[in-house]
Amino acid sequence: MIFKKAIVCAHIDGDTTVVKLENGLKERVRFIGINCPESTIKQESYGKEAAGYTKNNLFDKVIYLEKDISDRDVYGRLLRYIWLQIPSKISSDEIRNKMFNAILLANGYARQATYIPDIKYSGYFGEYVKEAKVESKGIWGIV
């Protein structure tokens, strides 16, 4: 596993942010494996809450970016898993507590969105969504 340190310097929505890399470059980053409700042009239920949660938890924070297979999406954004801390090992607990993509799913701020070939954590993500649904968290409490 390779992690690249970055600082979140701007907020776009629940699943997209802007980071400043260690080399000084700024990049838009789309979180792999999830899709938050829209909060910008096309607003969807719970979109503002998801965007606010991401902003409150990531803005001006150091994060660690992990690439899967794809580097960028069709819009030129980096595709990455967002870690709040580098995991000591890959386990459900480490992912649930340290990876922001998983935290959004587990708290009902996002739906799972799996796109091949970027499926490294899709099994874990499915578990977190099931739990959020059972507990009626976030978007699952308004359906």
Protein backbone atom coordinates (compact mmCIF):
# COMPACT_ATOMS: atom_id res chain seq x y z
CA MET A 1 0.00 0.00 0.00
CA ILE A 2 1.21 3.44 -0.92
CA PHE A 3 -0.20 6.51 0.80
CA LYS A 4 0.34 10.10 -0.30
CA LYS A 5 0.02 12.81 2.31
CA ALA A 6 -2.14 15.83 1.43
CA ILE A 7 -3.98 18.70 3.08
CA VAL A 8 -7.62 19.39 2.25
CA CYS A 9 -7.69 23.01 1.09
CA ALA A 10 -11.16 23.37 -0.44
CA HIS A 11 -14.53 21.71 -0.25
CA ILE A 12 -16.72 20.82 -3.23
CA ASP A 13 -19.38 18.39 -1.96
CA GLY A 14 -19.82 15.20 0.05
CA ASP A 15 -17.58 12.99 -2.10
CA THR A 16 -15.25 15.46 -3.81
CA THR A 17 -12.67 17.79 -2.34
CA VAL A 18 -9.54 19.72 -3.30
CA VAL A 19 -6.20 18.82 -1.76
CA LYS A 20 -2.73 20.30 -1.75
CA LEU A 21 -0.15 17.57 -2.32
CA GLU A 22 3.31 17.58 -0.75
CA ASN A 23 4.78 18.83 -4.05
CA GLY A 24 2.55 21.93 -3.77
CA LEU A 25 0.14 20.98 -6.57
CA LYS A 26 -3.59 21.26 -5.95
CA GLU A 27 -5.82 18.46 -7.20
CA ARG A 28 -9.53 17.72 -7.16
CA VAL A 29 -10.14 14.31 -5.58
CA ARG A 30 -13.22 12.11 -6.03
CA PHE A 31 -13.70 9.50 -3.29
CA ILE A 32 -13.66 5.94 -4.67
CA GLY A 33 -16.51 3.52 -4.07
CA ILE A 34 -19.14 5.93 -2.79
CA ASN A 35 -21.68 8.45 -4.02
CA CYS A 36 -23.11 11.16 -1.78
CA PRO A 37 -26.40 12.88 -2.62
CA GLU A 38 -25.83 15.98 -4.75
CA SER A 39 -25.55 19.32 -2.96
CA THR A 40 -24.43 21.75 -5.64
CA ILE A 41 -26.37 22.44 -8.87
CA LYS A 42 -28.78 19.51 -8.62
CA GLN A 43 -29.69 19.24 -4.93
CA GLU A 44 -30.86 15.90 -3.55
CA SER A 45 -32.24 14.90 -0.17
CA TYR A 46 -29.46 14.75 2.42
CA GLY A 47 -26.94 16.30 0.01
CA LYS A 48 -26.30 19.38 2.13
CA GLU A 49 -25.86 17.24 5.24
CA ALA A 50 -23.34 14.98 3.48
CA ALA A 51 -21.44 17.97 2.10
CA GLY A 52 -21.40 19.62 5.52
CA TYR A 53 -20.17 16.44 7.19
CA THR A 54 -17.29 16.16 4.73
CA LYS A 55 -16.38 19.84 5.08
CA ASN A 56 -16.50 19.73 8.90
CA ASN A 57 -14.36 16.60 9.10
CA LEU A 58 -11.81 17.18 6.33
CA PHE A 59 -11.28 20.87 5.63
CA ASP A 60 -7.75 22.01 6.53
CA LYS A 61 -6.87 18.51 7.77
CA VAL A 62 -3.97 16.24 6.81
CA ILE A 63 -5.20 13.14 4.99
CA TYR A 64 -3.58 10.19 3.23
CA LEU A 65 -4.59 9.28 -0.32
CA GLU A 66 -4.62 5.69 -1.54
CA LYS A 67 -4.99 4.84 -5.23
CA ASP A 68 -6.78 1.72 -6.46
CA ILE A 69 -6.38 0.83 -10.16
CA SER A 70 -7.70 3.94 -11.94
CA ASP A 71 -5.82 7.19 -11.51
CA ARG A 72 -8.44 9.71 -12.74
CA ASP A 73 -12.07 9.87 -13.76
CA VAL A 74 -13.45 11.34 -17.01
CA TYR A 75 -13.51 14.80 -15.38
CA GLY A 76 -9.78 14.69 -14.58
CA ARG A 77 -10.25 14.23 -10.84
CA LEU A 78 -7.94 11.93 -8.90
CA LEU A 79 -9.77 8.80 -7.73
CA ARG A 80 -8.69 7.92 -4.20
CA TYR A 81 -9.53 6.35 -0.88
CA ILE A 82 -9.24 9.01 1.84
CA TRP A 83 -7.53 7.91 5.04
CA LEU A 84 -7.56 10.03 8.20
CA GLN A 85 -4.65 7.96 9.51
CA ILE A 86 -2.45 5.39 7.82
CA PRO A 87 -3.79 1.96 8.82
CA SER A 88 -1.50 -0.37 10.75
CA LYS A 89 -3.12 -3.29 8.88
CA ILE A 90 -6.11 -3.73 6.62
CA SER A 91 -9.05 -4.91 8.70
CA SER A 92 -12.71 -4.01 8.96
CA ASP A 93 -12.08 -1.99 12.13
CA GLU A 94 -9.18 -0.05 10.60
CA ILE A 95 -11.19 0.73 7.46
CA ARG A 96 -14.36 1.65 9.38
CA ASN A 97 -12.51 4.01 11.74
CA LYS A 98 -9.73 5.47 9.59
CA MET A 99 -11.00 5.61 5.99
CA PHE A 100 -13.32 8.54 5.30
CA ASN A 101 -15.04 6.81 2.34
CA ALA A 102 -16.11 4.04 4.76
CA ILE A 103 -17.07 6.52 7.49
CA LEU A 104 -19.46 8.25 5.07
CA LEU A 105 -21.07 4.91 4.21
CA ALA A 106 -21.30 3.69 7.81
CA ASN A 107 -23.00 6.91 8.89
CA GLY A 108 -25.48 7.00 6.02
CA TYR A 109 -24.02 10.01 4.20
CA ALA A 110 -23.35 8.02 1.01
CA ARG A 111 -24.43 5.05 -1.06
CA GLN A 112 -21.98 2.47 -2.32
CA ALA A 113 -20.95 3.08 -5.94
CA THR A 114 -18.72 0.31 -7.27
CA TYR A 115 -17.01 0.81 -10.61
CA ILE A 116 -14.68 -1.84 -11.96
CA PRO A 117 -11.69 -1.98 -11.73
CA ASP A 118 -11.66 0.05 -8.47
CA ILE A 119 -13.08 -2.58 -6.11
CA LYS A 120 -10.38 -3.10 -3.48
CA TYR A 121 -12.66 -2.36 -0.51
CA SER A 122 -16.09 -3.01 -2.05
CA GLY A 123 -16.78 -6.02 0.18
CA TYR A 124 -16.17 -3.96 3.31
CA PHE A 125 -18.21 -1.07 1.93
CA GLY A 126 -21.19 -3.38 1.37
CA GLU A 127 -21.11 -4.41 5.04
CA TYR A 128 -21.13 -0.79 6.23
CA VAL A 129 -24.09 0.10 4.00
CA LYS A 130 -26.10 -2.88 5.31
CA GLU A 131 -25.44 -1.78 8.89
CA ALA A 132 -26.39 1.84 8.13
CA LYS A 133 -29.65 0.67 6.51
CA VAL A 134 -30.55 -1.55 9.48
CA GLU A 135 -29.87 1.34 11.87
CA SER A 136 -31.71 3.86 9.60
CA LYS A 137 -28.71 6.18 9.58
CA GLY A 138 -28.60 9.28 7.39
CA ILE A 139 -30.09 8.76 3.94
CA TRP A 140 -31.47 5.41 5.05
CA GLY A 141 -33.60 7.11 7.70
CA ILE A 142 -35.44 9.26 5.17
CA VAL A 143 -36.37 6.60 2.59
